[in-house]
Amino acid sequence: MILDLHTHSIKSDDGRAKVPNYCQWIRAREIPIDGFVLTEHRQFDAESDYSSLAAKFDLCILKASEVETEYGHVLVFGVTDALLSAFDFGDIHLPLKRVVEACAAHGAVPVPCHPGRKRVGMQAHVGEFGVPEGIRIVEIYNGGSRDQEDQIAQTMANELGYLGIGGSDAHIVSHIGRCATRFPGPIGNTAELVEALRAEDFEALTFRT
């Protein structure tokens, strides 16, 4: 099963894509993904229900979050009410250690995204803060990467022994599915996604040319 693990809708402050339009684009353009995860910035969208949309287009549509730490931006998969109470998702100065510990305590998975990017990527801060504890996975393919950002992320992952995922980081409809992650089995809900990430059996993909 192939999922785009990093997308944004109009729920994010800089997102310009509506979820129905993502679905229409995937099917119209025959994008080779089976679903996507909405990782809205500095929040978790608990209100939106995309189940009917998912059924209509035969796509898996899940929700996660993207938070901001001193090491850069971090995707959080497996958000629960308890995790939402553990730290302020809207805080742009979250300590990564706190995010990692809260995720461990509440069954979530933290994944630094676009780690090769200046300022908002993990690699830019390792020299100052050191290698963080509790990270097992980073995003090595990002659909919005420029120059050598993905190569920097891949080199860091190889050096530190991290596993890699892929995500488009789509903010507009036409960018969805640029990068994704292949899992060996079916995923139908957030719990199964978290379990699959913890199983550490997946492959990052890029469809960029």
N, C-alpha and C. Protein backbone atom coordinates (compact mmCIF):
# COMPACT_ATOMS: atom_id res chain seq x y z
N MET A 1 0.86 -1.19 0.00
CA MET A 1 0.00 0.00 0.00
C MET A 1 0.89 1.23 0.00
N ILE A 2 0.56 2.20 -0.83
CA ILE A 2 1.37 3.40 -0.96
C ILE A 2 0.59 4.61 -0.45
N LEU A 3 1.16 5.30 0.52
CA LEU A 3 0.53 6.47 1.12
C LEU A 3 1.45 7.68 1.04
N ASP A 4 0.89 8.81 0.69
CA ASP A 4 1.59 10.08 0.78
C ASP A 4 1.44 10.54 2.24
N LEU A 5 2.53 10.54 2.98
CA LEU A 5 2.45 10.77 4.43
C LEU A 5 2.56 12.23 4.86
N HIS A 6 2.57 13.16 3.90
CA HIS A 6 2.79 14.56 4.29
C HIS A 6 2.04 15.48 3.32
N THR A 7 0.83 15.90 3.71
CA THR A 7 0.04 16.80 2.87
C THR A 7 -0.66 17.84 3.74
N HIS A 8 -1.04 18.94 3.10
CA HIS A 8 -1.73 20.03 3.80
C HIS A 8 -2.95 20.47 3.00
N SER A 9 -4.01 20.79 3.71
CA SER A 9 -5.22 21.30 3.08
C SER A 9 -5.41 22.76 3.47
N ILE A 10 -6.57 23.31 3.12
CA ILE A 10 -6.86 24.69 3.50
C ILE A 10 -6.98 24.86 5.01
N LYS A 11 -6.98 23.76 5.75
CA LYS A 11 -6.99 23.86 7.21
C LYS A 11 -5.65 24.43 7.71
N SER A 12 -4.59 24.25 6.94
CA SER A 12 -3.29 24.83 7.29
C SER A 12 -3.25 26.28 6.82
N ASP A 13 -2.50 27.10 7.53
CA ASP A 13 -2.49 28.53 7.23
C ASP A 13 -1.98 28.84 5.82
N ASP A 14 -1.09 28.00 5.29
CA ASP A 14 -0.54 28.25 3.96
C ASP A 14 -1.02 27.21 2.94
N GLY A 15 -2.00 26.40 3.31
CA GLY A 15 -2.52 25.40 2.39
C GLY A 15 -3.59 25.97 1.49
N ARG A 16 -3.56 25.56 0.23
CA ARG A 16 -4.53 26.08 -0.73
C ARG A 16 -5.36 24.97 -1.39
N ALA A 17 -5.24 23.75 -0.86
CA ALA A 17 -5.91 22.61 -1.47
C ALA A 17 -7.10 22.15 -0.63
N LYS A 18 -8.20 21.85 -1.30
CA LYS A 18 -9.34 21.24 -0.63
C LYS A 18 -9.23 19.72 -0.78
N VAL A 19 -9.59 19.01 0.26
CA VAL A 19 -9.43 17.56 0.26
C VAL A 19 -10.18 16.88 -0.88
N PRO A 20 -11.41 17.27 -1.20
CA PRO A 20 -12.08 16.65 -2.35
C PRO A 20 -11.29 16.83 -3.65
N ASN A 21 -10.64 17.98 -3.78
CA ASN A 21 -9.86 18.23 -5.00
C ASN A 21 -8.62 17.34 -5.06
N TYR A 22 -8.01 17.06 -3.91
CA TYR A 22 -6.91 16.09 -3.88
C TYR A 22 -7.39 14.75 -4.43
N CYS A 23 -8.53 14.31 -3.95
CA CYS A 23 -9.07 13.01 -4.36
C CYS A 23 -9.36 12.99 -5.86
N GLN A 24 -9.97 14.04 -6.36
CA GLN A 24 -10.28 14.13 -7.77
C GLN A 24 -9.02 14.11 -8.63
N TRP A 25 -8.00 14.83 -8.17
CA TRP A 25 -6.74 14.91 -8.91
C TRP A 25 -6.05 13.54 -8.95
N ILE A 26 -6.02 12.86 -7.82
CA ILE A 26 -5.39 11.54 -7.75
C ILE A 26 -6.01 10.59 -8.75
N ARG A 27 -7.34 10.58 -8.80
CA ARG A 27 -8.03 9.66 -9.70
C ARG A 27 -7.94 10.12 -11.16
N ALA A 28 -8.10 11.41 -11.40
CA ALA A 28 -8.06 11.92 -12.78
C ALA A 28 -6.68 11.74 -13.41
N ARG A 29 -5.64 11.94 -12.62
CA ARG A 29 -4.26 11.84 -13.12
C ARG A 29 -3.64 10.47 -12.87
N GLU A 30 -4.43 9.58 -12.30
CA GLU A 30 -3.95 8.22 -11.99
C GLU A 30 -2.63 8.26 -11.21
N ILE A 31 -2.61 9.10 -10.18
CA ILE A 31 -1.45 9.19 -9.30
C ILE A 31 -1.30 7.85 -8.57
N PRO A 32 -0.12 7.25 -8.55
CA PRO A 32 0.03 5.89 -8.02
C PRO A 32 0.13 5.81 -6.50
N ILE A 33 -0.87 6.36 -5.82
CA ILE A 33 -0.94 6.25 -4.37
C ILE A 33 -2.32 5.73 -3.98
N ASP A 34 -2.38 5.10 -2.81
CA ASP A 34 -3.64 4.54 -2.31
C ASP A 34 -4.30 5.42 -1.27
N GLY A 35 -3.66 6.52 -0.94
CA GLY A 35 -4.23 7.42 0.05
C GLY A 35 -3.20 8.44 0.51
N PHE A 36 -3.60 9.26 1.48
CA PHE A 36 -2.71 10.32 1.95
C PHE A 36 -3.06 10.68 3.39
N VAL A 37 -2.10 11.32 4.04
CA VAL A 37 -2.26 11.75 5.42
C VAL A 37 -2.20 13.27 5.47
N LEU A 38 -3.21 13.87 6.07
CA LEU A 38 -3.26 15.32 6.22
C LEU A 38 -2.52 15.71 7.49
N THR A 39 -1.42 16.42 7.33
CA THR A 39 -0.54 16.78 8.45
C THR A 39 -0.59 18.30 8.63
N GLU A 40 -1.70 18.79 9.12
CA GLU A 40 -1.89 20.24 9.21
C GLU A 40 -0.89 20.88 10.18
N HIS A 41 -0.49 22.10 9.86
CA HIS A 41 0.52 22.81 10.64
C HIS A 41 0.00 23.20 12.03
N ARG A 42 0.78 22.87 13.06
CA ARG A 42 0.58 23.36 14.42
C ARG A 42 -0.82 23.10 14.97
N GLN A 43 -1.42 21.99 14.57
CA GLN A 43 -2.78 21.67 15.03
C GLN A 43 -3.08 20.22 14.67
N PHE A 44 -4.17 19.74 15.23
CA PHE A 44 -4.72 18.47 14.78
C PHE A 44 -6.19 18.70 14.47
N ASP A 45 -6.58 18.40 13.25
CA ASP A 45 -7.95 18.63 12.81
C ASP A 45 -8.82 17.46 13.24
N ALA A 46 -9.36 17.56 14.45
CA ALA A 46 -10.19 16.48 14.97
C ALA A 46 -11.62 16.55 14.45
N GLU A 47 -12.00 17.67 13.87
CA GLU A 47 -13.40 17.88 13.49
C GLU A 47 -13.77 17.27 12.14
N SER A 48 -12.91 17.37 11.17
CA SER A 48 -13.25 16.95 9.81
C SER A 48 -13.41 15.44 9.71
N ASP A 49 -14.44 15.02 9.02
CA ASP A 49 -14.70 13.60 8.78
C ASP A 49 -14.64 13.35 7.27
N TYR A 50 -13.62 12.62 6.84
CA TYR A 50 -13.42 12.37 5.42
C TYR A 50 -13.80 10.95 5.03
N SER A 51 -14.54 10.26 5.88
CA SER A 51 -14.84 8.86 5.62
C SER A 51 -15.68 8.66 4.35
N SER A 52 -16.67 9.51 4.14
CA SER A 52 -17.51 9.36 2.94
C SER A 52 -16.71 9.69 1.68
N LEU A 53 -15.84 10.66 1.79
CA LEU A 53 -14.99 11.03 0.66
C LEU A 53 -14.02 9.89 0.34
N ALA A 54 -13.46 9.29 1.38
CA ALA A 54 -12.56 8.17 1.20
C ALA A 54 -13.26 7.00 0.51
N ALA A 55 -14.49 6.75 0.92
CA ALA A 55 -15.25 5.66 0.32
C ALA A 55 -15.59 5.96 -1.14
N LYS A 56 -15.97 7.18 -1.43
CA LYS A 56 -16.34 7.57 -2.79
C LYS A 56 -15.19 7.38 -3.77
N PHE A 57 -13.98 7.73 -3.33
CA PHE A 57 -12.82 7.67 -4.24
C PHE A 57 -11.94 6.45 -3.98
N ASP A 58 -12.37 5.60 -3.06
CA ASP A 58 -11.59 4.41 -2.71
C ASP A 58 -10.15 4.78 -2.34
N LEU A 59 -10.03 5.73 -1.43
CA LEU A 59 -8.74 6.19 -0.95
C LEU A 59 -8.71 6.15 0.58
N CYS A 60 -7.55 5.92 1.12
CA CYS A 60 -7.35 6.01 2.57
C CYS A 60 -6.98 7.45 2.90
N ILE A 61 -7.79 8.10 3.72
CA ILE A 61 -7.51 9.50 4.11
C ILE A 61 -7.37 9.54 5.63
N LEU A 62 -6.17 9.81 6.09
CA LEU A 62 -5.89 9.85 7.52
C LEU A 62 -5.43 11.25 7.94
N LYS A 63 -5.35 11.45 9.24
CA LYS A 63 -4.96 12.77 9.76
C LYS A 63 -3.82 12.63 10.77
N ALA A 64 -2.91 13.59 10.72
CA ALA A 64 -1.79 13.65 11.66
C ALA A 64 -1.53 15.13 11.93
N SER A 65 -0.29 15.49 12.21
CA SER A 65 0.02 16.88 12.50
C SER A 65 1.47 17.18 12.16
N GLU A 66 1.77 18.45 11.98
CA GLU A 66 3.15 18.91 11.82
C GLU A 66 3.41 19.99 12.85
N VAL A 67 4.33 19.74 13.77
CA VAL A 67 4.63 20.69 14.84
C VAL A 67 6.04 21.26 14.64
N GLU A 68 6.36 22.30 15.41
CA GLU A 68 7.62 23.01 15.25
C GLU A 68 8.46 22.93 16.52
N THR A 69 9.70 22.52 16.35
CA THR A 69 10.62 22.36 17.47
C THR A 69 11.93 23.09 17.20
N GLU A 70 12.83 23.06 18.17
CA GLU A 70 14.13 23.70 17.97
C GLU A 70 14.98 22.96 16.94
N TYR A 71 14.58 21.73 16.62
CA TYR A 71 15.26 20.96 15.58
C TYR A 71 14.57 21.10 14.22
N GLY A 72 13.55 21.91 14.14
CA GLY A 72 12.80 22.03 12.90
C GLY A 72 11.44 21.37 13.01
N HIS A 73 10.82 21.15 11.87
CA HIS A 73 9.45 20.64 11.84
C HIS A 73 9.42 19.12 11.99
N VAL A 74 8.36 18.65 12.67
CA VAL A 74 8.23 17.22 12.97
C VAL A 74 6.80 16.77 12.70
N LEU A 75 6.66 15.72 11.90
CA LEU A 75 5.35 15.10 11.70
C LEU A 75 5.03 14.22 12.90
N VAL A 76 3.78 14.24 13.33
CA VAL A 76 3.36 13.40 14.46
C VAL A 76 2.20 12.54 14.00
N PHE A 77 2.43 11.23 13.96
CA PHE A 77 1.42 10.27 13.55
C PHE A 77 0.87 9.55 14.79
N GLY A 78 -0.46 9.45 14.86
CA GLY A 78 -1.07 8.80 16.02
C GLY A 78 -1.53 9.77 17.07
N VAL A 79 -2.01 10.93 16.65
CA VAL A 79 -2.47 11.95 17.59
C VAL A 79 -3.75 11.51 18.27
N THR A 80 -3.78 11.63 19.59
CA THR A 80 -4.94 11.30 20.41
C THR A 80 -5.28 12.49 21.29
N ASP A 81 -6.42 12.42 21.96
CA ASP A 81 -6.79 13.48 22.90
C ASP A 81 -5.74 13.62 24.00
N ALA A 82 -5.22 12.49 24.46
CA ALA A 82 -4.20 12.53 25.51
C ALA A 82 -2.94 13.22 25.02
N LEU A 83 -2.55 12.96 23.79
CA LEU A 83 -1.36 13.61 23.25
C LEU A 83 -1.59 15.10 23.06
N LEU A 84 -2.79 15.47 22.65
CA LEU A 84 -3.11 16.89 22.49
C LEU A 84 -3.02 17.64 23.81
N SER A 85 -3.24 16.92 24.90
CA SER A 85 -3.15 17.55 26.22
C SER A 85 -1.73 17.56 26.76
N ALA A 86 -0.83 16.82 26.12
CA ALA A 86 0.53 16.68 26.62
C ALA A 86 1.42 17.88 26.30
N PHE A 87 1.13 18.54 25.18
CA PHE A 87 1.88 19.75 24.82
C PHE A 87 1.04 20.60 23.88
N ASP A 88 1.42 21.86 23.73
CA ASP A 88 0.68 22.80 22.90
C ASP A 88 1.13 22.67 21.45
N PHE A 89 0.28 22.10 20.61
CA PHE A 89 0.62 21.89 19.20
C PHE A 89 0.86 23.22 18.48
N GLY A 90 0.32 24.31 19.00
CA GLY A 90 0.47 25.61 18.36
C GLY A 90 1.74 26.33 18.74
N ASP A 91 2.49 25.80 19.70
CA ASP A 91 3.73 26.43 20.16
C ASP A 91 4.81 26.24 19.09
N ILE A 92 5.41 27.33 18.61
CA ILE A 92 6.43 27.23 17.57
C ILE A 92 7.82 27.03 18.16
N HIS A 93 7.90 26.90 19.48
CA HIS A 93 9.20 26.69 20.14
C HIS A 93 9.16 25.43 21.00
N LEU A 94 8.54 24.38 20.51
CA LEU A 94 8.45 23.14 21.29
C LEU A 94 9.81 22.47 21.41
N PRO A 95 10.17 22.00 22.59
CA PRO A 95 11.39 21.20 22.72
C PRO A 95 11.15 19.82 22.08
N LEU A 96 12.04 19.41 21.20
CA LEU A 96 11.86 18.11 20.55
C LEU A 96 11.81 16.99 21.58
N LYS A 97 12.61 17.10 22.63
CA LYS A 97 12.63 16.08 23.67
C LYS A 97 11.24 15.88 24.27
N ARG A 98 10.54 16.97 24.47
CA ARG A 98 9.20 16.88 25.03
C ARG A 98 8.24 16.21 24.07
N VAL A 99 8.35 16.55 22.78
CA VAL A 99 7.49 15.93 21.77
C VAL A 99 7.76 14.43 21.69
N VAL A 100 9.03 14.05 21.66
CA VAL A 100 9.40 12.64 21.57
C VAL A 100 8.90 11.87 22.79
N GLU A 101 9.09 12.42 23.97
CA GLU A 101 8.65 11.74 25.19
C GLU A 101 7.13 11.60 25.23
N ALA A 102 6.42 12.65 24.81
CA ALA A 102 4.96 12.60 24.81
C ALA A 102 4.46 11.57 23.80
N CYS A 103 5.11 11.50 22.65
CA CYS A 103 4.72 10.51 21.64
C CYS A 103 4.95 9.10 22.18
N ALA A 104 6.06 8.88 22.84
CA ALA A 104 6.35 7.56 23.41
C ALA A 104 5.32 7.18 24.46
N ALA A 105 4.91 8.15 25.26
CA ALA A 105 3.96 7.89 26.33
C ALA A 105 2.55 7.62 25.82
N HIS A 106 2.22 8.18 24.65
CA HIS A 106 0.84 8.10 24.17
C HIS A 106 0.71 7.36 22.84
N GLY A 107 1.72 6.57 22.49
CA GLY A 107 1.60 5.69 21.34
C GLY A 107 1.66 6.35 19.99
N ALA A 108 2.34 7.48 19.89
CA ALA A 108 2.46 8.18 18.61
C ALA A 108 3.88 8.04 18.07
N VAL A 109 4.08 8.43 16.83
CA VAL A 109 5.38 8.33 16.18
C VAL A 109 5.81 9.70 15.66
N PRO A 110 6.95 10.24 16.16
CA PRO A 110 7.45 11.52 15.67
C PRO A 110 8.43 11.31 14.52
N VAL A 111 8.28 12.10 13.46
CA VAL A 111 9.14 11.96 12.28
C VAL A 111 9.58 13.35 11.81
N PRO A 112 10.83 13.75 12.05
CA PRO A 112 11.30 15.02 11.51
C PRO A 112 11.14 15.05 9.99
N CYS A 113 10.55 16.12 9.49
CA CYS A 113 10.30 16.21 8.05
C CYS A 113 11.25 17.22 7.40
N HIS A 114 11.40 17.07 6.09
CA HIS A 114 12.37 17.84 5.30
C HIS A 114 13.61 18.20 6.13
N PRO A 115 14.29 17.18 6.69
CA PRO A 115 15.42 17.45 7.59
C PRO A 115 16.63 18.07 6.91
N GLY A 116 16.67 18.06 5.60
CA GLY A 116 17.79 18.68 4.90
C GLY A 116 17.58 20.15 4.59
N ARG A 117 16.45 20.70 5.02
CA ARG A 117 16.12 22.09 4.71
C ARG A 117 16.73 23.05 5.73
N LYS A 118 17.15 24.19 5.26
CA LYS A 118 17.70 25.21 6.15
C LYS A 118 16.63 25.69 7.13
N ARG A 119 17.04 25.94 8.33
CA ARG A 119 16.23 26.52 9.40
C ARG A 119 15.12 25.61 9.90
N VAL A 120 14.30 25.05 9.03
CA VAL A 120 13.17 24.23 9.47
C VAL A 120 13.44 22.74 9.37
N GLY A 121 14.69 22.36 9.08
CA GLY A 121 15.07 20.96 8.98
C GLY A 121 16.04 20.55 10.08
N MET A 122 15.99 19.32 10.48
CA MET A 122 16.76 18.81 11.61
C MET A 122 18.27 18.94 11.43
N GLN A 123 18.76 18.64 10.22
CA GLN A 123 20.19 18.65 9.99
C GLN A 123 20.82 20.00 10.32
N ALA A 124 20.09 21.07 10.10
CA ALA A 124 20.59 22.41 10.34
C ALA A 124 20.86 22.69 11.82
N HIS A 125 20.34 21.84 12.70
CA HIS A 125 20.43 22.12 14.14
C HIS A 125 21.20 21.05 14.93
N VAL A 126 21.57 19.96 14.27
CA VAL A 126 22.28 18.90 14.98
C VAL A 126 23.62 19.38 15.49
N GLY A 127 24.30 20.23 14.71
CA GLY A 127 25.59 20.75 15.15
C GLY A 127 25.50 21.55 16.44
N GLU A 128 24.42 22.28 16.60
CA GLU A 128 24.25 23.12 17.80
C GLU A 128 23.69 22.32 18.98
N PHE A 129 22.72 21.48 18.72
CA PHE A 129 22.01 20.81 19.81
C PHE A 129 22.39 19.34 19.99
N GLY A 130 23.12 18.78 19.05
CA GLY A 130 23.49 17.37 19.15
C GLY A 130 22.44 16.47 18.52
N VAL A 131 22.75 15.18 18.45
CA VAL A 131 21.81 14.21 17.87
C VAL A 131 20.71 13.93 18.89
N PRO A 132 19.44 14.15 18.54
CA PRO A 132 18.36 13.95 19.51
C PRO A 132 18.11 12.48 19.78
N GLU A 133 17.64 12.20 20.97
CA GLU A 133 17.29 10.83 21.33
C GLU A 133 15.83 10.55 20.95
N GLY A 134 15.55 9.29 20.68
CA GLY A 134 14.17 8.86 20.46
C GLY A 134 13.66 8.99 19.04
N ILE A 135 14.52 9.38 18.11
CA ILE A 135 14.11 9.47 16.70
C ILE A 135 14.57 8.21 15.97
N ARG A 136 13.64 7.58 15.26
CA ARG A 136 13.97 6.38 14.48
C ARG A 136 13.73 6.58 12.99
N ILE A 137 12.86 7.56 12.65
CA ILE A 137 12.46 7.75 11.26
C ILE A 137 12.53 9.23 10.92
N VAL A 138 13.01 9.52 9.71
CA VAL A 138 12.98 10.89 9.19
C VAL A 138 12.45 10.84 7.76
N GLU A 139 12.03 11.98 7.27
CA GLU A 139 11.54 12.07 5.90
C GLU A 139 12.74 12.28 4.97
N ILE A 140 12.96 11.34 4.06
CA ILE A 140 14.11 11.45 3.16
C ILE A 140 13.73 11.88 1.75
N TYR A 141 12.44 11.80 1.42
CA TYR A 141 11.93 12.33 0.16
C TYR A 141 10.81 13.29 0.48
N ASN A 142 10.97 14.54 0.06
CA ASN A 142 9.96 15.56 0.30
C ASN A 142 9.66 16.23 -1.03
N GLY A 143 8.37 16.27 -1.38
CA GLY A 143 7.98 16.79 -2.68
C GLY A 143 8.29 18.25 -2.90
N GLY A 144 8.56 19.00 -1.83
CA GLY A 144 8.88 20.41 -1.96
C GLY A 144 10.35 20.72 -1.85
N SER A 145 11.18 19.69 -1.80
CA SER A 145 12.61 19.90 -1.63
C SER A 145 13.24 20.57 -2.85
N ARG A 146 14.27 21.35 -2.57
CA ARG A 146 15.03 22.02 -3.63
C ARG A 146 16.51 21.68 -3.48
N ASP A 147 17.24 21.95 -4.54
CA ASP A 147 18.69 21.76 -4.54
C ASP A 147 19.04 20.36 -4.01
N GLN A 148 19.85 20.31 -2.96
CA GLN A 148 20.33 19.04 -2.41
C GLN A 148 19.65 18.66 -1.10
N GLU A 149 18.47 19.23 -0.83
CA GLU A 149 17.83 19.01 0.47
C GLU A 149 17.54 17.54 0.74
N ASP A 150 17.03 16.82 -0.24
CA ASP A 150 16.76 15.39 -0.03
C ASP A 150 18.06 14.61 0.13
N GLN A 151 19.09 14.98 -0.63
CA GLN A 151 20.37 14.28 -0.50
C GLN A 151 20.96 14.50 0.88
N ILE A 152 20.84 15.69 1.41
CA ILE A 152 21.31 15.98 2.77
C ILE A 152 20.55 15.13 3.77
N ALA A 153 19.24 15.01 3.57
CA ALA A 153 18.41 14.20 4.47
C ALA A 153 18.81 12.73 4.40
N GLN A 154 19.06 12.23 3.21
CA GLN A 154 19.43 10.83 3.04
C GLN A 154 20.80 10.54 3.65
N THR A 155 21.73 11.47 3.46
CA THR A 155 23.06 11.29 4.05
C THR A 155 22.98 11.26 5.57
N MET A 156 22.21 12.17 6.14
CA MET A 156 22.03 12.21 7.58
C MET A 156 21.39 10.91 8.07
N ALA A 157 20.37 10.44 7.36
CA ALA A 157 19.70 9.21 7.76
C ALA A 157 20.66 8.03 7.72
N ASN A 158 21.49 7.96 6.70
CA ASN A 158 22.47 6.86 6.60
C ASN A 158 23.49 6.93 7.73
N GLU A 159 23.96 8.12 8.01
CA GLU A 159 24.99 8.28 9.04
C GLU A 159 24.46 7.98 10.43
N LEU A 160 23.20 8.32 10.69
CA LEU A 160 22.64 8.16 12.03
C LEU A 160 21.78 6.90 12.17
N GLY A 161 21.65 6.14 11.08
CA GLY A 161 20.90 4.88 11.15
C GLY A 161 19.40 5.05 11.21
N TYR A 162 18.89 6.12 10.61
CA TYR A 162 17.45 6.35 10.60
C TYR A 162 16.79 5.64 9.41
N LEU A 163 15.55 5.28 9.59
CA LEU A 163 14.71 4.82 8.49
C LEU A 163 14.13 6.04 7.79
N GLY A 164 13.68 5.86 6.54
CA GLY A 164 13.19 7.00 5.78
C GLY A 164 11.79 6.82 5.24
N ILE A 165 11.00 7.89 5.27
CA ILE A 165 9.68 7.93 4.64
C ILE A 165 9.68 8.98 3.54
N GLY A 166 8.62 8.96 2.73
CA GLY A 166 8.43 9.98 1.71
C GLY A 166 7.07 10.62 1.82
N GLY A 167 7.01 11.91 1.52
CA GLY A 167 5.75 12.65 1.52
C GLY A 167 5.85 13.84 0.59
N SER A 168 4.75 14.21 -0.02
CA SER A 168 4.78 15.28 -1.01
C SER A 168 4.93 16.67 -0.40
N ASP A 169 4.50 16.84 0.86
CA ASP A 169 4.44 18.17 1.48
C ASP A 169 3.57 19.08 0.61
N ALA A 170 2.53 18.50 0.02
CA ALA A 170 1.67 19.25 -0.89
C ALA A 170 0.89 20.34 -0.16
N HIS A 171 0.89 21.52 -0.76
CA HIS A 171 0.06 22.62 -0.30
C HIS A 171 -0.95 23.03 -1.37
N ILE A 172 -0.70 22.56 -2.60
CA ILE A 172 -1.63 22.77 -3.70
C ILE A 172 -1.94 21.40 -4.33
N VAL A 173 -3.07 21.31 -4.98
CA VAL A 173 -3.59 20.03 -5.45
C VAL A 173 -2.61 19.29 -6.35
N SER A 174 -1.98 19.99 -7.27
CA SER A 174 -1.15 19.32 -8.27
C SER A 174 0.14 18.74 -7.71
N HIS A 175 0.45 19.01 -6.46
CA HIS A 175 1.69 18.51 -5.88
C HIS A 175 1.52 17.19 -5.12
N ILE A 176 0.28 16.76 -4.91
CA ILE A 176 0.09 15.54 -4.13
C ILE A 176 0.67 14.33 -4.87
N GLY A 177 1.25 13.42 -4.11
CA GLY A 177 1.80 12.20 -4.68
C GLY A 177 3.17 12.32 -5.29
N ARG A 178 3.83 13.47 -5.11
CA ARG A 178 5.19 13.60 -5.64
C ARG A 178 6.15 12.63 -4.95
N CYS A 179 5.93 12.42 -3.67
CA CYS A 179 6.70 11.46 -2.89
C CYS A 179 5.72 10.70 -1.99
N ALA A 180 6.09 9.49 -1.60
CA ALA A 180 5.18 8.69 -0.80
C ALA A 180 5.96 7.58 -0.10
N THR A 181 5.22 6.70 0.57
CA THR A 181 5.83 5.60 1.31
C THR A 181 5.07 4.32 1.03
N ARG A 182 5.81 3.25 0.72
CA ARG A 182 5.19 1.96 0.43
C ARG A 182 5.25 1.06 1.66
N PHE A 183 4.10 0.50 2.02
CA PHE A 183 4.01 -0.44 3.13
C PHE A 183 3.65 -1.82 2.57
N PRO A 184 4.07 -2.89 3.22
CA PRO A 184 3.82 -4.23 2.68
C PRO A 184 2.38 -4.71 2.82
N GLY A 185 1.64 -4.14 3.75
CA GLY A 185 0.27 -4.58 3.99
C GLY A 185 -0.72 -3.43 3.94
N PRO A 186 -2.01 -3.74 4.02
CA PRO A 186 -3.04 -2.71 3.97
C PRO A 186 -3.07 -1.85 5.23
N ILE A 187 -3.44 -0.58 5.05
CA ILE A 187 -3.58 0.36 6.16
C ILE A 187 -4.92 1.06 5.98
N GLY A 188 -5.77 0.98 6.99
CA GLY A 188 -7.10 1.56 6.87
C GLY A 188 -7.43 2.60 7.91
N ASN A 189 -6.57 2.75 8.91
CA ASN A 189 -6.82 3.74 9.96
C ASN A 189 -5.50 4.17 10.59
N THR A 190 -5.58 5.14 11.47
CA THR A 190 -4.37 5.70 12.07
C THR A 190 -3.62 4.68 12.90
N ALA A 191 -4.35 3.86 13.64
CA ALA A 191 -3.70 2.85 14.48
C ALA A 191 -2.87 1.90 13.63
N GLU A 192 -3.38 1.52 12.48
CA GLU A 192 -2.64 0.62 11.59
C GLU A 192 -1.43 1.32 10.99
N LEU A 193 -1.56 2.61 10.72
CA LEU A 193 -0.41 3.37 10.22
C LEU A 193 0.70 3.43 11.27
N VAL A 194 0.32 3.73 12.49
CA VAL A 194 1.31 3.78 13.57
C VAL A 194 1.98 2.43 13.75
N GLU A 195 1.19 1.37 13.72
CA GLU A 195 1.74 0.02 13.85
C GLU A 195 2.72 -0.29 12.72
N ALA A 196 2.37 0.13 11.51
CA ALA A 196 3.23 -0.12 10.36
C ALA A 196 4.54 0.67 10.46
N LEU A 197 4.47 1.89 10.95
CA LEU A 197 5.69 2.68 11.13
C LEU A 197 6.57 2.07 12.21
N ARG A 198 5.96 1.61 13.26
CA ARG A 198 6.73 0.97 14.34
C ARG A 198 7.35 -0.35 13.90
N ALA A 199 6.72 -1.02 12.95
CA ALA A 199 7.25 -2.29 12.45
C ALA A 199 8.52 -2.07 11.63
N GLU A 200 8.74 -0.84 11.20
CA GLU A 200 9.96 -0.43 10.50
C GLU A 200 10.16 -1.21 9.20
N ASP A 201 9.04 -1.52 8.54
CA ASP A 201 9.09 -2.23 7.27
C ASP A 201 8.35 -1.39 6.23
N PHE A 202 9.07 -0.47 5.63
CA PHE A 202 8.46 0.41 4.63
C PHE A 202 9.57 0.98 3.74
N GLU A 203 9.16 1.61 2.67
CA GLU A 203 10.12 2.13 1.70
C GLU A 203 9.69 3.51 1.23
N ALA A 204 10.59 4.47 1.29
CA ALA A 204 10.31 5.81 0.78
C ALA A 204 10.38 5.82 -0.73
N LEU A 205 9.43 6.50 -1.36
CA LEU A 205 9.37 6.56 -2.82
C LEU A 205 9.34 8.01 -3.29
N THR A 206 9.92 8.26 -4.45
CA THR A 206 9.77 9.56 -5.09
C THR A 206 9.32 9.34 -6.52
N PHE A 207 8.34 10.13 -6.94
CA PHE A 207 7.83 10.07 -8.31
C PHE A 207 8.22 11.34 -9.08
N ARG A 208 9.09 12.14 -8.48
CA ARG A 208 9.54 13.36 -9.14
C ARG A 208 10.51 12.99 -10.24
N THR A 209 10.43 13.74 -11.33
CA THR A 209 11.33 13.50 -12.46
C THR A 209 12.25 14.68 -12.67
